[in-house]
Amino acid sequence: MTGGPERPDGSGADRGSPAALTAVFRPRAARWVSGTLAVLVTLGTALLLFLLPGTGLSGYGILDRSGFVLLGAGIVWFCWRQATVRATPVPGGLRVRNLATTRTVGWASIVSIRFGQGRPWVQLDLSDGDTLAVMGIQRADGAFADAEARRLATLVAHRTRTSRDD
């Protein structure tokens, strides 16, 4: 460990070190909320299945119960996707896993990074005119998110400078 500033996550890693600079970008609050919600939905679904009356005139059959299980599984899958959003620096660029898609963009194609007030997550402006949300850095994380956005901007500046020098 160097004597540099601590990371906002309390790890003590120097933000300027190559290992800290290329660490995976993950949200904090979204992982906790999604994980907690997934556990609650799983327990609620199990409790619901246990407490539902059986077959009969007012009972629930196998199709009804299967529907509850499928609904619970769908909600848990959605929570899992939300909990696993991230941005991973790779040698060729940045691999961004959002809620529905995963996309890798080259370092040279990232023109700018925006994370102004009112934005729920970091947004990359790309050289082809497109924009890409980076849900791995979310406003809900407060100061940690601001520090992670600065780390991403530093990483992009370093990688684009290095790729231009080659």
C-alpha atoms as a PDB file:
ATOM      1  CA  MET A   1       0.000   0.000   0.000  1.00  0.00           C
ATOM      2  CA  THR A   2       1.301   3.426  -0.859  1.00  0.00           C
ATOM      3  CA  GLY A   3       0.931   6.561   1.188  1.00  0.00           C
ATOM      4  CA  GLY A   4      -1.517   8.129  -1.282  1.00  0.00           C
ATOM      5  CA  PRO A   5      -5.147   9.013  -0.670  1.00  0.00           C
ATOM      6  CA  GLU A   6      -7.595   6.331   0.294  1.00  0.00           C
ATOM      7  CA  ARG A   7     -10.334   5.199  -2.040  1.00  0.00           C
ATOM      8  CA  PRO A   8     -13.851   6.210  -1.028  1.00  0.00           C
ATOM      9  CA  ASP A   9     -14.705   2.554  -0.466  1.00  0.00           C
ATOM     10  CA  GLY A  10     -12.249   2.482   2.444  1.00  0.00           C
ATOM     11  CA  SER A  11      -9.957  -0.071   0.806  1.00  0.00           C
ATOM     12  CA  GLY A  12      -6.944   2.171   1.311  1.00  0.00           C
ATOM     13  CA  ALA A  13      -5.757   1.515  -2.245  1.00  0.00           C
ATOM     14  CA  ASP A  14      -4.023   4.428  -3.905  1.00  0.00           C
ATOM     15  CA  ARG A  15      -6.306   5.694  -6.654  1.00  0.00           C
ATOM     16  CA  GLY A  16      -3.314   6.425  -8.859  1.00  0.00           C
ATOM     17  CA  SER A  17      -1.950   2.879  -8.808  1.00  0.00           C
ATOM     18  CA  PRO A  18      -2.525   0.842 -11.970  1.00  0.00           C
ATOM     19  CA  ALA A  19      -4.395  -1.889 -10.069  1.00  0.00           C
ATOM     20  CA  ALA A  20      -6.804   0.586  -8.465  1.00  0.00           C
ATOM     21  CA  LEU A  21      -7.257   2.501 -11.704  1.00  0.00           C
ATOM     22  CA  THR A  22      -8.315  -0.609 -13.645  1.00  0.00           C
ATOM     23  CA  ALA A  23     -10.559  -2.104 -10.948  1.00  0.00           C
ATOM     24  CA  VAL A  24     -14.112  -2.999 -11.951  1.00  0.00           C
ATOM     25  CA  PHE A  25     -16.729  -0.241 -11.555  1.00  0.00           C
ATOM     26  CA  ARG A  26     -19.708  -1.518  -9.541  1.00  0.00           C
ATOM     27  CA  PRO A  27     -22.536   0.312  -7.772  1.00  0.00           C
ATOM     28  CA  ARG A  28     -22.999  -0.101  -4.038  1.00  0.00           C
ATOM     29  CA  ALA A  29     -26.610   0.817  -3.272  1.00  0.00           C
ATOM     30  CA  ALA A  30     -28.076  -1.037  -6.250  1.00  0.00           C
ATOM     31  CA  ARG A  31     -26.356  -4.267  -5.238  1.00  0.00           C
ATOM     32  CA  TRP A  32     -27.604  -4.072  -1.654  1.00  0.00           C
ATOM     33  CA  VAL A  33     -31.161  -3.121  -2.585  1.00  0.00           C
ATOM     34  CA  SER A  34     -31.399  -5.702  -5.380  1.00  0.00           C
ATOM     35  CA  GLY A  35     -29.942  -8.475  -3.247  1.00  0.00           C
ATOM     36  CA  THR A  36     -32.237  -7.708  -0.334  1.00  0.00           C
ATOM     37  CA  LEU A  37     -35.272  -7.516  -2.609  1.00  0.00           C
ATOM     38  CA  ALA A  38     -34.367 -10.839  -4.266  1.00  0.00           C
ATOM     39  CA  VAL A  39     -34.171 -12.558  -0.868  1.00  0.00           C
ATOM     40  CA  LEU A  40     -37.499 -11.033   0.215  1.00  0.00           C
ATOM     41  CA  VAL A  41     -39.228 -12.061  -3.017  1.00  0.00           C
ATOM     42  CA  THR A  42     -37.858 -15.607  -2.718  1.00  0.00           C
ATOM     43  CA  LEU A  43     -39.047 -15.903   0.877  1.00  0.00           C
ATOM     44  CA  GLY A  44     -42.398 -14.288   0.044  1.00  0.00           C
ATOM     45  CA  THR A  45     -42.971 -16.643  -2.874  1.00  0.00           C
ATOM     46  CA  ALA A  46     -42.130 -19.689  -0.729  1.00  0.00           C
ATOM     47  CA  LEU A  47     -44.421 -18.455   2.045  1.00  0.00           C
ATOM     48  CA  LEU A  48     -47.217 -17.760  -0.428  1.00  0.00           C
ATOM     49  CA  LEU A  49     -46.956 -21.255  -1.902  1.00  0.00           C
ATOM     50  CA  PHE A  50     -46.997 -22.771   1.579  1.00  0.00           C
ATOM     51  CA  LEU A  51     -50.013 -20.776   2.754  1.00  0.00           C
ATOM     52  CA  LEU A  52     -52.182 -21.077  -0.383  1.00  0.00           C
ATOM     53  CA  PRO A  53     -55.128 -23.414   0.015  1.00  0.00           C
ATOM     54  CA  GLY A  54     -54.887 -26.632  -1.964  1.00  0.00           C
ATOM     55  CA  THR A  55     -57.155 -27.884  -4.683  1.00  0.00           C
ATOM     56  CA  GLY A  56     -60.902 -27.696  -4.425  1.00  0.00           C
ATOM     57  CA  LEU A  57     -63.544 -25.129  -5.251  1.00  0.00           C
ATOM     58  CA  SER A  58     -61.610 -22.216  -3.749  1.00  0.00           C
ATOM     59  CA  GLY A  59     -58.118 -23.730  -3.951  1.00  0.00           C
ATOM     60  CA  TYR A  60     -55.187 -23.101  -6.229  1.00  0.00           C
ATOM     61  CA  GLY A  61     -54.059 -25.761  -8.681  1.00  0.00           C
ATOM     62  CA  ILE A  62     -50.639 -26.618 -10.058  1.00  0.00           C
ATOM     63  CA  LEU A  63     -50.887 -24.043 -12.861  1.00  0.00           C
ATOM     64  CA  ASP A  64     -51.670 -21.277 -10.385  1.00  0.00           C
ATOM     65  CA  ARG A  65     -48.741 -22.251  -8.203  1.00  0.00           C
ATOM     66  CA  SER A  66     -46.460 -22.519 -11.240  1.00  0.00           C
ATOM     67  CA  GLY A  67     -47.477 -18.992 -12.215  1.00  0.00           C
ATOM     68  CA  PHE A  68     -46.492 -17.683  -8.772  1.00  0.00           C
ATOM     69  CA  VAL A  69     -43.142 -19.459  -9.017  1.00  0.00           C
ATOM     70  CA  LEU A  70     -42.485 -18.067 -12.508  1.00  0.00           C
ATOM     71  CA  LEU A  71     -43.394 -14.550 -11.397  1.00  0.00           C
ATOM     72  CA  GLY A  72     -41.121 -14.797  -8.358  1.00  0.00           C
ATOM     73  CA  ALA A  73     -38.296 -16.228 -10.483  1.00  0.00           C
ATOM     74  CA  GLY A  74     -38.705 -13.404 -13.009  1.00  0.00           C
ATOM     75  CA  ILE A  75     -38.463 -10.765 -10.286  1.00  0.00           C
ATOM     76  CA  VAL A  76     -35.396 -12.462  -8.763  1.00  0.00           C
ATOM     77  CA  TRP A  77     -33.746 -12.644 -12.226  1.00  0.00           C
ATOM     78  CA  PHE A  78     -34.381  -8.914 -12.739  1.00  0.00           C
ATOM     79  CA  CYS A  79     -32.871  -8.164  -9.311  1.00  0.00           C
ATOM     80  CA  TRP A  80     -29.851 -10.310 -10.162  1.00  0.00           C
ATOM     81  CA  ARG A  81     -29.308  -8.390 -13.432  1.00  0.00           C
ATOM     82  CA  GLN A  82     -29.545  -5.093 -11.563  1.00  0.00           C
ATOM     83  CA  ALA A  83     -27.118  -6.310  -8.909  1.00  0.00           C
ATOM     84  CA  THR A  84     -24.551  -7.365 -11.514  1.00  0.00           C
ATOM     85  CA  VAL A  85     -24.312  -4.193 -13.603  1.00  0.00           C
ATOM     86  CA  ARG A  86     -20.680  -3.111 -13.961  1.00  0.00           C
ATOM     87  CA  ALA A  87     -18.039  -1.623 -16.201  1.00  0.00           C
ATOM     88  CA  THR A  88     -14.882  -3.668 -16.625  1.00  0.00           C
ATOM     89  CA  PRO A  89     -11.712  -2.164 -18.076  1.00  0.00           C
ATOM     90  CA  VAL A  90     -10.215  -4.601 -20.597  1.00  0.00           C
ATOM     91  CA  PRO A  91      -7.102  -4.064 -22.734  1.00  0.00           C
ATOM     92  CA  GLY A  92      -9.115  -3.131 -25.823  1.00  0.00           C
ATOM     93  CA  GLY A  93     -11.652  -0.873 -24.151  1.00  0.00           C
ATOM     94  CA  LEU A  94     -14.410  -0.741 -21.579  1.00  0.00           C
ATOM     95  CA  ARG A  95     -16.892  -3.623 -21.268  1.00  0.00           C
ATOM     96  CA  VAL A  96     -20.175  -2.177 -19.970  1.00  0.00           C
ATOM     97  CA  ARG A  97     -22.768  -4.572 -18.586  1.00  0.00           C
ATOM     98  CA  ASN A  98     -26.052  -2.774 -18.066  1.00  0.00           C
ATOM     99  CA  LEU A  99     -29.446  -4.130 -17.153  1.00  0.00           C
ATOM    100  CA  ALA A 100     -30.345  -5.503 -20.583  1.00  0.00           C
ATOM    101  CA  THR A 101     -27.155  -5.469 -22.659  1.00  0.00           C
ATOM    102  CA  THR A 102     -23.400  -5.894 -22.536  1.00  0.00           C
ATOM    103  CA  ARG A 103     -21.253  -3.826 -24.882  1.00  0.00           C
ATOM    104  CA  THR A 104     -17.512  -3.286 -25.257  1.00  0.00           C
ATOM    105  CA  VAL A 105     -16.355   0.089 -26.546  1.00  0.00           C
ATOM    106  CA  GLY A 106     -12.785   0.833 -27.576  1.00  0.00           C
ATOM    107  CA  TRP A 107     -10.831   3.395 -25.580  1.00  0.00           C
ATOM    108  CA  ALA A 108     -10.341   5.591 -28.633  1.00  0.00           C
ATOM    109  CA  SER A 109     -14.092   5.711 -29.325  1.00  0.00           C
ATOM    110  CA  ILE A 110     -14.867   7.340 -25.948  1.00  0.00           C
ATOM    111  CA  VAL A 111     -15.034  11.090 -26.598  1.00  0.00           C
ATOM    112  CA  SER A 112     -16.228  12.320 -23.197  1.00  0.00           C
ATOM    113  CA  ILE A 113     -17.699  11.235 -19.894  1.00  0.00           C
ATOM    114  CA  ARG A 114     -20.685  13.019 -18.357  1.00  0.00           C
ATOM    115  CA  PHE A 115     -21.970  12.705 -14.798  1.00  0.00           C
ATOM    116  CA  GLY A 116     -23.648  16.014 -14.092  1.00  0.00           C
ATOM    117  CA  GLN A 117     -26.343  16.705 -11.553  1.00  0.00           C
ATOM    118  CA  GLY A 118     -29.597  15.001 -12.400  1.00  0.00           C
ATOM    119  CA  ARG A 119     -27.955  12.099 -14.232  1.00  0.00           C
ATOM    120  CA  PRO A 120     -28.709   8.738 -12.602  1.00  0.00           C
ATOM    121  CA  TRP A 121     -25.485   7.179 -13.935  1.00  0.00           C
ATOM    122  CA  VAL A 122     -22.391   8.003 -15.959  1.00  0.00           C
ATOM    123  CA  GLN A 123     -22.897   8.549 -19.659  1.00  0.00           C
ATOM    124  CA  LEU A 124     -20.221   8.029 -22.311  1.00  0.00           C
ATOM    125  CA  ASP A 125     -20.270  10.085 -25.500  1.00  0.00           C
ATOM    126  CA  LEU A 126     -18.866   7.956 -28.314  1.00  0.00           C
ATOM    127  CA  SER A 127     -17.105   8.984 -31.502  1.00  0.00           C
ATOM    128  CA  ASP A 128     -19.916   7.603 -33.686  1.00  0.00           C
ATOM    129  CA  GLY A 129     -22.369  10.076 -32.115  1.00  0.00           C
ATOM    130  CA  ASP A 130     -23.953   7.460 -29.871  1.00  0.00           C
ATOM    131  CA  THR A 131     -24.172   7.626 -26.081  1.00  0.00           C
ATOM    132  CA  LEU A 132     -23.805   4.751 -23.660  1.00  0.00           C
ATOM    133  CA  ALA A 133     -25.046   4.667 -20.079  1.00  0.00           C
ATOM    134  CA  VAL A 134     -22.647   3.115 -17.568  1.00  0.00           C
ATOM    135  CA  MET A 135     -24.957   1.821 -14.851  1.00  0.00           C
ATOM    136  CA  GLY A 136     -21.949   0.594 -12.885  1.00  0.00           C
ATOM    137  CA  ILE A 137     -21.486   4.147 -11.559  1.00  0.00           C
ATOM    138  CA  GLN A 138     -24.772   5.373 -10.077  1.00  0.00           C
ATOM    139  CA  ARG A 139     -25.714   8.715  -8.517  1.00  0.00           C
ATOM    140  CA  ALA A 140     -27.344   6.868  -5.588  1.00  0.00           C
ATOM    141  CA  ASP A 141     -23.823   6.079  -4.324  1.00  0.00           C
ATOM    142  CA  GLY A 142     -23.113   9.773  -3.624  1.00  0.00           C
ATOM    143  CA  ALA A 143     -19.465  10.713  -3.084  1.00  0.00           C
ATOM    144  CA  PHE A 144     -18.330   7.204  -3.987  1.00  0.00           C
ATOM    145  CA  ALA A 145     -19.974   7.579  -7.412  1.00  0.00           C
ATOM    146  CA  ASP A 146     -18.303  10.966  -7.952  1.00  0.00           C
ATOM    147  CA  ALA A 147     -14.907   9.454  -7.141  1.00  0.00           C
ATOM    148  CA  GLU A 148     -15.570   6.492  -9.436  1.00  0.00           C
ATOM    149  CA  ALA A 149     -16.579   8.837 -12.286  1.00  0.00           C
ATOM    150  CA  ARG A 150     -13.295  10.734 -11.816  1.00  0.00           C
ATOM    151  CA  ARG A 151     -11.401   7.427 -11.795  1.00  0.00           C
ATOM    152  CA  LEU A 152     -13.111   6.410 -15.048  1.00  0.00           C
ATOM    153  CA  ALA A 153     -12.268   9.771 -16.633  1.00  0.00           C
ATOM    154  CA  THR A 154      -8.634   9.364 -15.538  1.00  0.00           C
ATOM    155  CA  LEU A 155      -8.527   5.829 -16.921  1.00  0.00           C
ATOM    156  CA  VAL A 156     -10.025   6.886 -20.265  1.00  0.00           C
ATOM    157  CA  ALA A 157      -7.597   9.812 -20.530  1.00  0.00           C
ATOM    158  CA  HIS A 158      -4.665   7.512 -19.746  1.00  0.00           C
ATOM    159  CA  ARG A 159      -5.783   4.793 -22.194  1.00  0.00           C
ATOM    160  CA  THR A 160      -6.557   7.182 -25.046  1.00  0.00           C
ATOM    161  CA  ARG A 161      -3.225   8.958 -24.566  1.00  0.00           C
ATOM    162  CA  THR A 162      -1.435   5.583 -24.560  1.00  0.00           C
ATOM    163  CA  SER A 163      -3.258   4.362 -27.680  1.00  0.00           C
ATOM    164  CA  ARG A 164      -2.423   7.576 -29.558  1.00  0.00           C
ATOM    165  CA  ASP A 165       1.260   7.240 -28.629  1.00  0.00           C
ATOM    166  CA  ASP A 166       1.481   3.729 -30.133  1.00  0.00           C
END
